[in-house]
Amino acid sequence: MLKYGSPDTTELKFKRFIAEVEPRDEQWIDIVLRFELEEENAIPLDVTDLTALVICTRGGEIFQMVPQDEGCDCEYQFTPGEKEQIRDYVERERLAAEAAKM
């Protein structure tokens, strides 16, 4: 995780994802991901409830990945490696494509 204004970074390794998928409108699908981390990883101490809001098009393309704390945008962003793990999961599970059928 990258904290705005800080040179320090942490690379989280996700062990398992729990997804909540909800079509927002005719254009967007929201996917909220909760994580189970690998044993050696820990979320930053100033984050209480880390989730990711993944915004996708109805065609299944990921538009944006936003880290959230307690359901609100927070002062962190995901590293390229964390984004890759999230992208792999969303694409492998075809979450946006399945939600588009709702």
PDB file of N, CA and C in Angstrom:
ATOM      1  N   MET A   1       0.851  -1.165   0.000  1.00  0.00           N
ATOM      2  CA  MET A   1       0.000   0.000   0.000  1.00  0.00           C
ATOM      3  C   MET A   1       0.895   1.225   0.000  1.00  0.00           C
ATOM      4  N   LEU A   2       0.437   2.230  -0.664  1.00  0.00           N
ATOM      5  CA  LEU A   2       1.142   3.498  -0.736  1.00  0.00           C
ATOM      6  C   LEU A   2       0.308   4.542  -0.007  1.00  0.00           C
ATOM      7  N   LYS A   3       0.915   5.207   0.968  1.00  0.00           N
ATOM      8  CA  LYS A   3       0.208   6.267   1.681  1.00  0.00           C
ATOM      9  C   LYS A   3       0.595   7.598   1.052  1.00  0.00           C
ATOM     10  N   TYR A   4      -0.401   8.416   0.757  1.00  0.00           N
ATOM     11  CA  TYR A   4      -0.127   9.715   0.155  1.00  0.00           C
ATOM     12  C   TYR A   4       0.846  10.499   1.024  1.00  0.00           C
ATOM     13  N   GLY A   5       1.890  11.041   0.394  1.00  0.00           N
ATOM     14  CA  GLY A   5       2.856  11.872   1.098  1.00  0.00           C
ATOM     15  C   GLY A   5       3.928  11.110   1.846  1.00  0.00           C
ATOM     16  N   SER A   6       3.905   9.798   1.807  1.00  0.00           N
ATOM     17  CA  SER A   6       4.891   8.997   2.533  1.00  0.00           C
ATOM     18  C   SER A   6       5.766   8.221   1.546  1.00  0.00           C
ATOM     19  N   PRO A   7       7.066   8.148   1.817  1.00  0.00           N
ATOM     20  CA  PRO A   7       7.942   7.364   0.942  1.00  0.00           C
ATOM     21  C   PRO A   7       7.852   5.856   1.218  1.00  0.00           C
ATOM     22  N   ASP A   8       7.220   5.474   2.331  1.00  0.00           N
ATOM     23  CA  ASP A   8       7.133   4.067   2.720  1.00  0.00           C
ATOM     24  C   ASP A   8       6.035   3.345   1.941  1.00  0.00           C
ATOM     25  N   THR A   9       6.326   2.105   1.562  1.00  0.00           N
ATOM     26  CA  THR A   9       5.320   1.275   0.903  1.00  0.00           C
ATOM     27  C   THR A   9       5.278  -0.096   1.568  1.00  0.00           C
ATOM     28  N   THR A  10       4.140  -0.724   1.465  1.00  0.00           N
ATOM     29  CA  THR A  10       3.935  -2.083   1.952  1.00  0.00           C
ATOM     30  C   THR A  10       3.282  -2.854   0.816  1.00  0.00           C
ATOM     31  N   GLU A  11       3.739  -4.053   0.560  1.00  0.00           N
ATOM     32  CA  GLU A  11       3.149  -4.876  -0.502  1.00  0.00           C
ATOM     33  C   GLU A  11       2.314  -5.972   0.142  1.00  0.00           C
ATOM     34  N   LEU A  12       0.995  -5.855   0.044  1.00  0.00           N
ATOM     35  CA  LEU A  12       0.108  -6.865   0.608  1.00  0.00           C
ATOM     36  C   LEU A  12      -0.032  -8.038  -0.354  1.00  0.00           C
ATOM     37  N   LYS A  13      -0.055  -9.229   0.206  1.00  0.00           N
ATOM     38  CA  LYS A  13      -0.300 -10.452  -0.565  1.00  0.00           C
ATOM     39  C   LYS A  13      -1.652 -10.993  -0.121  1.00  0.00           C
ATOM     40  N   PHE A  14      -2.586 -11.051  -1.055  1.00  0.00           N
ATOM     41  CA  PHE A  14      -3.938 -11.488  -0.746  1.00  0.00           C
ATOM     42  C   PHE A  14      -4.046 -13.005  -0.858  1.00  0.00           C
ATOM     43  N   LYS A  15      -4.597 -13.606   0.176  1.00  0.00           N
ATOM     44  CA  LYS A  15      -4.777 -15.058   0.211  1.00  0.00           C
ATOM     45  C   LYS A  15      -6.147 -15.447  -0.344  1.00  0.00           C
ATOM     46  N   ARG A  16      -7.142 -14.629  -0.016  1.00  0.00           N
ATOM     47  CA  ARG A  16      -8.520 -14.931  -0.407  1.00  0.00           C
ATOM     48  C   ARG A  16      -9.301 -13.633  -0.525  1.00  0.00           C
ATOM     49  N   PHE A  17     -10.254 -13.627  -1.446  1.00  0.00           N
ATOM     50  CA  PHE A  17     -11.123 -12.472  -1.651  1.00  0.00           C
ATOM     51  C   PHE A  17     -12.567 -12.863  -1.361  1.00  0.00           C
ATOM     52  N   ILE A  18     -13.321 -11.912  -0.850  1.00  0.00           N
ATOM     53  CA  ILE A  18     -14.761 -12.067  -0.666  1.00  0.00           C
ATOM     54  C   ILE A  18     -15.390 -10.887  -1.404  1.00  0.00           C
ATOM     55  N   ALA A  19     -16.207 -11.189  -2.401  1.00  0.00           N
ATOM     56  CA  ALA A  19     -16.740 -10.146  -3.278  1.00  0.00           C
ATOM     57  C   ALA A  19     -18.220  -9.903  -3.054  1.00  0.00           C
ATOM     58  N   GLU A  20     -18.575  -8.633  -3.118  1.00  0.00           N
ATOM     59  CA  GLU A  20     -19.978  -8.206  -3.124  1.00  0.00           C
ATOM     60  C   GLU A  20     -20.158  -7.388  -4.401  1.00  0.00           C
ATOM     61  N   VAL A  21     -20.980  -7.873  -5.303  1.00  0.00           N
ATOM     62  CA  VAL A  21     -21.131  -7.267  -6.623  1.00  0.00           C
ATOM     63  C   VAL A  21     -22.505  -6.622  -6.734  1.00  0.00           C
ATOM     64  N   GLU A  22     -22.509  -5.380  -7.233  1.00  0.00           N
ATOM     65  CA  GLU A  22     -23.784  -4.667  -7.361  1.00  0.00           C
ATOM     66  C   GLU A  22     -23.776  -3.781  -8.600  1.00  0.00           C
ATOM     67  N   PRO A  23     -24.690  -4.027  -9.539  1.00  0.00           N
ATOM     68  CA  PRO A  23     -24.820  -3.113 -10.669  1.00  0.00           C
ATOM     69  C   PRO A  23     -25.263  -1.737 -10.152  1.00  0.00           C
ATOM     70  N   ARG A  24     -24.576  -0.687 -10.593  1.00  0.00           N
ATOM     71  CA  ARG A  24     -24.910   0.663 -10.134  1.00  0.00           C
ATOM     72  C   ARG A  24     -25.949   1.314 -11.049  1.00  0.00           C
ATOM     73  N   ASP A  25     -25.699   1.242 -12.341  1.00  0.00           N
ATOM     74  CA  ASP A  25     -26.609   1.840 -13.320  1.00  0.00           C
ATOM     75  C   ASP A  25     -26.382   1.135 -14.655  1.00  0.00           C
ATOM     76  N   GLU A  26     -26.776   1.763 -15.736  1.00  0.00           N
ATOM     77  CA  GLU A  26     -26.639   1.139 -17.057  1.00  0.00           C
ATOM     78  C   GLU A  26     -25.193   1.066 -17.533  1.00  0.00           C
ATOM     79  N   GLN A  27     -24.289   1.792 -16.876  1.00  0.00           N
ATOM     80  CA  GLN A  27     -22.896   1.844 -17.330  1.00  0.00           C
ATOM     81  C   GLN A  27     -21.923   1.138 -16.391  1.00  0.00           C
ATOM     82  N   TRP A  28     -22.135   1.230 -15.078  1.00  0.00           N
ATOM     83  CA  TRP A  28     -21.131   0.791 -14.107  1.00  0.00           C
ATOM     84  C   TRP A  28     -21.600  -0.364 -13.228  1.00  0.00           C
ATOM     85  N   ILE A  29     -20.612  -1.159 -12.818  1.00  0.00           N
ATOM     86  CA  ILE A  29     -20.814  -2.229 -11.845  1.00  0.00           C
ATOM     87  C   ILE A  29     -19.808  -2.009 -10.728  1.00  0.00           C
ATOM     88  N   ASP A  30     -20.283  -1.997  -9.494  1.00  0.00           N
ATOM     89  CA  ASP A  30     -19.408  -1.837  -8.328  1.00  0.00           C
ATOM     90  C   ASP A  30     -19.134  -3.202  -7.719  1.00  0.00           C
ATOM     91  N   ILE A  31     -17.865  -3.452  -7.437  1.00  0.00           N
ATOM     92  CA  ILE A  31     -17.457  -4.681  -6.758  1.00  0.00           C
ATOM     93  C   ILE A  31     -16.702  -4.264  -5.505  1.00  0.00           C
ATOM     94  N   VAL A  32     -17.207  -4.662  -4.355  1.00  0.00           N
ATOM     95  CA  VAL A  32     -16.508  -4.396  -3.092  1.00  0.00           C
ATOM     96  C   VAL A  32     -15.822  -5.692  -2.687  1.00  0.00           C
ATOM     97  N   LEU A  33     -14.510  -5.611  -2.509  1.00  0.00           N
ATOM     98  CA  LEU A  33     -13.726  -6.783  -2.130  1.00  0.00           C
ATOM     99  C   LEU A  33     -13.232  -6.664  -0.701  1.00  0.00           C
ATOM    100  N   ARG A  34     -13.430  -7.726   0.054  1.00  0.00           N
ATOM    101  CA  ARG A  34     -12.809  -7.881   1.368  1.00  0.00           C
ATOM    102  C   ARG A  34     -11.688  -8.886   1.182  1.00  0.00           C
ATOM    103  N   PHE A  35     -10.681  -8.812   2.050  1.00  0.00           N
ATOM    104  CA  PHE A  35      -9.485  -9.624   1.856  1.00  0.00           C
ATOM    105  C   PHE A  35      -9.159 -10.475   3.065  1.00  0.00           C
ATOM    106  N   GLU A  36      -8.578 -11.609   2.780  1.00  0.00           N
ATOM    107  CA  GLU A  36      -7.856 -12.371   3.790  1.00  0.00           C
ATOM    108  C   GLU A  36      -6.405 -12.309   3.314  1.00  0.00           C
ATOM    109  N   LEU A  37      -5.512 -11.864   4.190  1.00  0.00           N
ATOM    110  CA  LEU A  37      -4.117 -11.672   3.802  1.00  0.00           C
ATOM    111  C   LEU A  37      -3.269 -12.888   4.129  1.00  0.00           C
ATOM    112  N   GLU A  38      -2.155 -13.020   3.417  1.00  0.00           N
ATOM    113  CA  GLU A  38      -1.165 -14.042   3.757  1.00  0.00           C
ATOM    114  C   GLU A  38      -0.673 -13.770   5.172  1.00  0.00           C
ATOM    115  N   GLU A  39      -0.228 -14.798   5.842  1.00  0.00           N
ATOM    116  CA  GLU A  39       0.164 -14.724   7.258  1.00  0.00           C
ATOM    117  C   GLU A  39       1.140 -13.592   7.573  1.00  0.00           C
ATOM    118  N   GLU A  40       2.140 -13.386   6.724  1.00  0.00           N
ATOM    119  CA  GLU A  40       3.189 -12.412   7.025  1.00  0.00           C
ATOM    120  C   GLU A  40       2.766 -10.967   6.758  1.00  0.00           C
ATOM    121  N   ASN A  41       1.559 -10.756   6.281  1.00  0.00           N
ATOM    122  CA  ASN A  41       1.087  -9.415   5.939  1.00  0.00           C
ATOM    123  C   ASN A  41       0.154  -8.848   6.993  1.00  0.00           C
ATOM    124  N   ALA A  42       0.161  -7.539   7.086  1.00  0.00           N
ATOM    125  CA  ALA A  42      -0.770  -6.829   7.966  1.00  0.00           C
ATOM    126  C   ALA A  42      -1.134  -5.510   7.299  1.00  0.00           C
ATOM    127  N   ILE A  43      -2.392  -5.123   7.449  1.00  0.00           N
ATOM    128  CA  ILE A  43      -2.794  -3.827   6.907  1.00  0.00           C
ATOM    129  C   ILE A  43      -2.135  -2.736   7.745  1.00  0.00           C
ATOM    130  N   PRO A  44      -1.990  -1.533   7.195  1.00  0.00           N
ATOM    131  CA  PRO A  44      -1.407  -0.438   7.969  1.00  0.00           C
ATOM    132  C   PRO A  44      -2.175  -0.218   9.275  1.00  0.00           C
ATOM    133  N   LEU A  45      -1.459   0.176  10.305  1.00  0.00           N
ATOM    134  CA  LEU A  45      -2.049   0.329  11.637  1.00  0.00           C
ATOM    135  C   LEU A  45      -3.167   1.365  11.692  1.00  0.00           C
ATOM    136  N   ASP A  46      -3.106   2.370  10.816  1.00  0.00           N
ATOM    137  CA  ASP A  46      -4.131   3.414  10.855  1.00  0.00           C
ATOM    138  C   ASP A  46      -5.339   3.100   9.963  1.00  0.00           C
ATOM    139  N   VAL A  47      -5.442   1.863   9.485  1.00  0.00           N
ATOM    140  CA  VAL A  47      -6.593   1.423   8.693  1.00  0.00           C
ATOM    141  C   VAL A  47      -7.386   0.418   9.524  1.00  0.00           C
ATOM    142  N   THR A  48      -8.676   0.660   9.658  1.00  0.00           N
ATOM    143  CA  THR A  48      -9.534  -0.173  10.496  1.00  0.00           C
ATOM    144  C   THR A  48     -10.164  -1.332   9.730  1.00  0.00           C
ATOM    145  N   ASP A  49     -10.766  -1.039   8.575  1.00  0.00           N
ATOM    146  CA  ASP A  49     -11.514  -2.044   7.810  1.00  0.00           C
ATOM    147  C   ASP A  49     -11.220  -1.848   6.326  1.00  0.00           C
ATOM    148  N   LEU A  50     -10.137  -2.457   5.852  1.00  0.00           N
ATOM    149  CA  LEU A  50      -9.694  -2.276   4.471  1.00  0.00           C
ATOM    150  C   LEU A  50     -10.551  -3.080   3.502  1.00  0.00           C
ATOM    151  N   THR A  51     -11.051  -2.395   2.484  1.00  0.00           N
ATOM    152  CA  THR A  51     -11.744  -3.032   1.369  1.00  0.00           C
ATOM    153  C   THR A  51     -11.272  -2.354   0.088  1.00  0.00           C
ATOM    154  N   ALA A  52     -11.650  -2.932  -1.036  1.00  0.00           N
ATOM    155  CA  ALA A  52     -11.371  -2.307  -2.332  1.00  0.00           C
ATOM    156  C   ALA A  52     -12.688  -2.121  -3.059  1.00  0.00           C
ATOM    157  N   LEU A  53     -12.905  -0.927  -3.582  1.00  0.00           N
ATOM    158  CA  LEU A  53     -14.030  -0.676  -4.472  1.00  0.00           C
ATOM    159  C   LEU A  53     -13.473  -0.771  -5.888  1.00  0.00           C
ATOM    160  N   VAL A  54     -13.928  -1.766  -6.627  1.00  0.00           N
ATOM    161  CA  VAL A  54     -13.494  -1.955  -8.009  1.00  0.00           C
ATOM    162  C   VAL A  54     -14.670  -1.561  -8.894  1.00  0.00           C
ATOM    163  N   ILE A  55     -14.464  -0.543  -9.704  1.00  0.00           N
ATOM    164  CA  ILE A  55     -15.513  -0.035 -10.584  1.00  0.00           C
ATOM    165  C   ILE A  55     -15.246  -0.577 -11.984  1.00  0.00           C
ATOM    166  N   CYS A  56     -16.249  -1.266 -12.537  1.00  0.00           N
ATOM    167  CA  CYS A  56     -16.110  -1.908 -13.847  1.00  0.00           C
ATOM    168  C   CYS A  56     -17.191  -1.422 -14.798  1.00  0.00           C
ATOM    169  N   THR A  57     -16.899  -1.546 -16.084  1.00  0.00           N
ATOM    170  CA  THR A  57     -17.921  -1.294 -17.093  1.00  0.00           C
ATOM    171  C   THR A  57     -18.804  -2.529 -17.203  1.00  0.00           C
ATOM    172  N   ARG A  58     -19.930  -2.381 -17.845  1.00  0.00           N
ATOM    173  CA  ARG A  58     -20.824  -3.522 -18.060  1.00  0.00           C
ATOM    174  C   ARG A  58     -20.173  -4.573 -18.955  1.00  0.00           C
ATOM    175  N   GLY A  59     -19.154  -4.174 -19.698  1.00  0.00           N
ATOM    176  CA  GLY A  59     -18.429  -5.118 -20.540  1.00  0.00           C
ATOM    177  C   GLY A  59     -17.378  -5.904 -19.786  1.00  0.00           C
ATOM    178  N   GLY A  60     -17.206  -5.604 -18.499  1.00  0.00           N
ATOM    179  CA  GLY A  60     -16.257  -6.340 -17.679  1.00  0.00           C
ATOM    180  C   GLY A  60     -14.894  -5.700 -17.545  1.00  0.00           C
ATOM    181  N   GLU A  61     -14.698  -4.535 -18.139  1.00  0.00           N
ATOM    182  CA  GLU A  61     -13.411  -3.852 -18.073  1.00  0.00           C
ATOM    183  C   GLU A  61     -13.288  -3.076 -16.759  1.00  0.00           C
ATOM    184  N   ILE A  62     -12.155  -3.237 -16.089  1.00  0.00           N
ATOM    185  CA  ILE A  62     -11.935  -2.509 -14.837  1.00  0.00           C
ATOM    186  C   ILE A  62     -11.604  -1.061 -15.160  1.00  0.00           C
ATOM    187  N   PHE A  63     -12.343  -0.150 -14.543  1.00  0.00           N
ATOM    188  CA  PHE A  63     -12.144   1.279 -14.749  1.00  0.00           C
ATOM    189  C   PHE A  63     -11.281   1.874 -13.643  1.00  0.00           C
ATOM    190  N   GLN A  64     -11.523   1.463 -12.392  1.00  0.00           N
ATOM    191  CA  GLN A  64     -10.807   2.054 -11.260  1.00  0.00           C
ATOM    192  C   GLN A  64     -10.811   1.093 -10.077  1.00  0.00           C
ATOM    193  N   MET A  65      -9.724   1.149  -9.269  1.00  0.00           N
ATOM    194  CA  MET A  65      -9.617   0.384  -8.025  1.00  0.00           C
ATOM    195  C   MET A  65      -9.312   1.372  -6.909  1.00  0.00           C
ATOM    196  N   VAL A  66     -10.202   1.444  -5.926  1.00  0.00           N
ATOM    197  CA  VAL A  66     -10.081   2.437  -4.864  1.00  0.00           C
ATOM    198  C   VAL A  66     -10.000   1.741  -3.506  1.00  0.00           C
ATOM    199  N   PRO A  67      -8.883   1.903  -2.777  1.00  0.00           N
ATOM    200  CA  PRO A  67      -8.856   1.361  -1.417  1.00  0.00           C
ATOM    201  C   PRO A  67      -9.784   2.172  -0.526  1.00  0.00           C
ATOM    202  N   GLN A  68     -10.488   1.475   0.351  1.00  0.00           N
ATOM    203  CA  GLN A  68     -11.395   2.150   1.272  1.00  0.00           C
ATOM    204  C   GLN A  68     -11.173   1.646   2.691  1.00  0.00           C
ATOM    205  N   ASP A  69     -11.426   2.524   3.642  1.00  0.00           N
ATOM    206  CA  ASP A  69     -11.388   2.172   5.058  1.00  0.00           C
ATOM    207  C   ASP A  69     -12.763   2.481   5.626  1.00  0.00           C
ATOM    208  N   GLU A  70     -13.397   1.477   6.176  1.00  0.00           N
ATOM    209  CA  GLU A  70     -14.757   1.601   6.707  1.00  0.00           C
ATOM    210  C   GLU A  70     -15.727   2.154   5.659  1.00  0.00           C
ATOM    211  N   GLY A  71     -15.555   1.725   4.401  1.00  0.00           N
ATOM    212  CA  GLY A  71     -16.471   2.108   3.339  1.00  0.00           C
ATOM    213  C   GLY A  71     -16.253   3.473   2.725  1.00  0.00           C
ATOM    214  N   CYS A  72     -15.189   4.181   3.130  1.00  0.00           N
ATOM    215  CA  CYS A  72     -14.892   5.513   2.595  1.00  0.00           C
ATOM    216  C   CYS A  72     -13.498   5.520   1.973  1.00  0.00           C
ATOM    217  N   ASP A  73     -13.320   6.384   0.968  1.00  0.00           N
ATOM    218  CA  ASP A  73     -11.992   6.526   0.386  1.00  0.00           C
ATOM    219  C   ASP A  73     -11.005   6.868   1.492  1.00  0.00           C
ATOM    220  N   CYS A  74      -9.784   6.345   1.373  1.00  0.00           N
ATOM    221  CA  CYS A  74      -8.788   6.606   2.410  1.00  0.00           C
ATOM    222  C   CYS A  74      -7.526   7.190   1.786  1.00  0.00           C
ATOM    223  N   GLU A  75      -6.537   7.465   2.621  1.00  0.00           N
ATOM    224  CA  GLU A  75      -5.330   8.134   2.160  1.00  0.00           C
ATOM    225  C   GLU A  75      -4.282   7.177   1.607  1.00  0.00           C
ATOM    226  N   TYR A  76      -4.712   5.989   1.235  1.00  0.00           N
ATOM    227  CA  TYR A  76      -3.813   5.002   0.648  1.00  0.00           C
ATOM    228  C   TYR A  76      -4.209   4.735  -0.790  1.00  0.00           C
ATOM    229  N   GLN A  77      -3.268   4.189  -1.529  1.00  0.00           N
ATOM    230  CA  GLN A  77      -3.572   3.648  -2.845  1.00  0.00           C
ATOM    231  C   GLN A  77      -2.898   2.287  -2.953  1.00  0.00           C
ATOM    232  N   PHE A  78      -3.372   1.473  -3.870  1.00  0.00           N
ATOM    233  CA  PHE A  78      -2.793   0.153  -4.052  1.00  0.00           C
ATOM    234  C   PHE A  78      -1.516   0.248  -4.872  1.00  0.00           C
ATOM    235  N   THR A  79      -0.562  -0.628  -4.574  1.00  0.00           N
ATOM    236  CA  THR A  79       0.663  -0.720  -5.363  1.00  0.00           C
ATOM    237  C   THR A  79       0.332  -1.422  -6.683  1.00  0.00           C
ATOM    238  N   PRO A  80       1.217  -1.327  -7.670  1.00  0.00           N
ATOM    239  CA  PRO A  80       0.980  -2.067  -8.916  1.00  0.00           C
ATOM    240  C   PRO A  80       0.807  -3.574  -8.675  1.00  0.00           C
ATOM    241  N   GLY A  81       1.566  -4.152  -7.757  1.00  0.00           N
ATOM    242  CA  GLY A  81       1.444  -5.581  -7.452  1.00  0.00           C
ATOM    243  C   GLY A  81       0.107  -5.932  -6.825  1.00  0.00           C
ATOM    244  N   GLU A  82      -0.393  -5.068  -5.951  1.00  0.00           N
ATOM    245  CA  GLU A  82      -1.706  -5.295  -5.334  1.00  0.00           C
ATOM    246  C   GLU A  82      -2.811  -5.171  -6.381  1.00  0.00           C
ATOM    247  N   LYS A  83      -2.683  -4.174  -7.264  1.00  0.00           N
ATOM    248  CA  LYS A  83      -3.671  -4.007  -8.337  1.00  0.00           C
ATOM    249  C   LYS A  83      -3.691  -5.229  -9.246  1.00  0.00           C
ATOM    250  N   GLU A  84      -2.526  -5.790  -9.513  1.00  0.00           N
ATOM    251  CA  GLU A  84      -2.450  -6.979 -10.364  1.00  0.00           C
ATOM    252  C   GLU A  84      -3.182  -8.162  -9.726  1.00  0.00           C
ATOM    253  N   GLN A  85      -3.006  -8.347  -8.416  1.00  0.00           N
ATOM    254  CA  GLN A  85      -3.706  -9.430  -7.715  1.00  0.00           C
ATOM    255  C   GLN A  85      -5.223  -9.243  -7.779  1.00  0.00           C
ATOM    256  N   ILE A  86      -5.659  -8.004  -7.570  1.00  0.00           N
ATOM    257  CA  ILE A  86      -7.094  -7.692  -7.610  1.00  0.00           C
ATOM    258  C   ILE A  86      -7.636  -7.907  -9.022  1.00  0.00           C
ATOM    259  N   ARG A  87      -6.913  -7.388 -10.017  1.00  0.00           N
ATOM    260  CA  ARG A  87      -7.337  -7.533 -11.413  1.00  0.00           C
ATOM    261  C   ARG A  87      -7.433  -9.016 -11.793  1.00  0.00           C
ATOM    262  N   ASP A  88      -6.427  -9.800 -11.421  1.00  0.00           N
ATOM    263  CA  ASP A  88      -6.443 -11.235 -11.735  1.00  0.00           C
ATOM    264  C   ASP A  88      -7.679 -11.911 -11.147  1.00  0.00           C
ATOM    265  N   TYR A  89      -8.004 -11.578  -9.905  1.00  0.00           N
ATOM    266  CA  TYR A  89      -9.172 -12.191  -9.259  1.00  0.00           C
ATOM    267  C   TYR A  89     -10.471 -11.790  -9.964  1.00  0.00           C
ATOM    268  N   VAL A  90     -10.656 -10.504 -10.191  1.00  0.00           N
ATOM    269  CA  VAL A  90     -11.897 -10.013 -10.807  1.00  0.00           C
ATOM    270  C   VAL A  90     -12.072 -10.609 -12.202  1.00  0.00           C
ATOM    271  N   GLU A  91     -10.993 -10.666 -12.978  1.00  0.00           N
ATOM    272  CA  GLU A  91     -11.083 -11.215 -14.329  1.00  0.00           C
ATOM    273  C   GLU A  91     -11.276 -12.728 -14.311  1.00  0.00           C
ATOM    274  N   ARG A  92     -10.568 -13.420 -13.429  1.00  0.00           N
ATOM    275  CA  ARG A  92     -10.682 -14.883 -13.344  1.00  0.00           C
ATOM    276  C   ARG A  92     -12.104 -15.300 -12.953  1.00  0.00           C
ATOM    277  N   GLU A  93     -12.683 -14.581 -12.002  1.00  0.00           N
ATOM    278  CA  GLU A  93     -14.030 -14.912 -11.527  1.00  0.00           C
ATOM    279  C   GLU A  93     -15.132 -14.320 -12.402  1.00  0.00           C
ATOM    280  N   ARG A  94     -14.748 -13.480 -13.361  1.00  0.00           N
ATOM    281  CA  ARG A  94     -15.699 -12.851 -14.289  1.00  0.00           C
ATOM    282  C   ARG A  94     -16.826 -12.140 -13.534  1.00  0.00           C
ATOM    283  N   LEU A  95     -16.460 -11.431 -12.486  1.00  0.00           N
ATOM    284  CA  LEU A  95     -17.454 -10.800 -11.612  1.00  0.00           C
ATOM    285  C   LEU A  95     -18.296  -9.754 -12.332  1.00  0.00           C
ATOM    286  N   ALA A  96     -17.648  -8.870 -13.078  1.00  0.00           N
ATOM    287  CA  ALA A  96     -18.400  -7.812 -13.757  1.00  0.00           C
ATOM    288  C   ALA A  96     -19.280  -8.390 -14.856  1.00  0.00           C
ATOM    289  N   ALA A  97     -18.759  -9.362 -15.586  1.00  0.00           N
ATOM    290  CA  ALA A  97     -19.539  -9.961 -16.673  1.00  0.00           C
ATOM    291  C   ALA A  97     -20.784 -10.658 -16.134  1.00  0.00           C
ATOM    292  N   GLU A  98     -20.644 -11.339 -15.014  1.00  0.00           N
ATOM    293  CA  GLU A  98     -21.796 -12.014 -14.409  1.00  0.00           C
ATOM    294  C   GLU A  98     -22.814 -11.003 -13.888  1.00  0.00           C
ATOM    295  N   ALA A  99     -22.326  -9.911 -13.303  1.00  0.00           N
ATOM    296  CA  ALA A  99     -23.235  -8.887 -12.778  1.00  0.00           C
ATOM    297  C   ALA A  99     -23.984  -8.186 -13.905  1.00  0.00           C
ATOM    298  N   ALA A 100     -23.360  -8.058 -15.060  1.00  0.00           N
ATOM    299  CA  ALA A 100     -24.005  -7.392 -16.193  1.00  0.00           C
ATOM    300  C   ALA A 100     -25.249  -8.148 -16.648  1.00  0.00           C
ATOM    301  N   LYS A 101     -25.311  -9.430 -16.333  1.00  0.00           N
ATOM    302  CA  LYS A 101     -26.471 -10.244 -16.713  1.00  0.00           C
ATOM    303  C   LYS A 101     -27.656 -10.040 -15.775  1.00  0.00           C
ATOM    304  N   MET A 102     -27.426  -9.375 -14.644  1.00  0.00           N
ATOM    305  CA  MET A 102     -28.490  -9.173 -13.647  1.00  0.00           C
ATOM    306  C   MET A 102     -29.557  -8.242 -14.178  1.00  0.00           C
TER     307      MET A 102
END
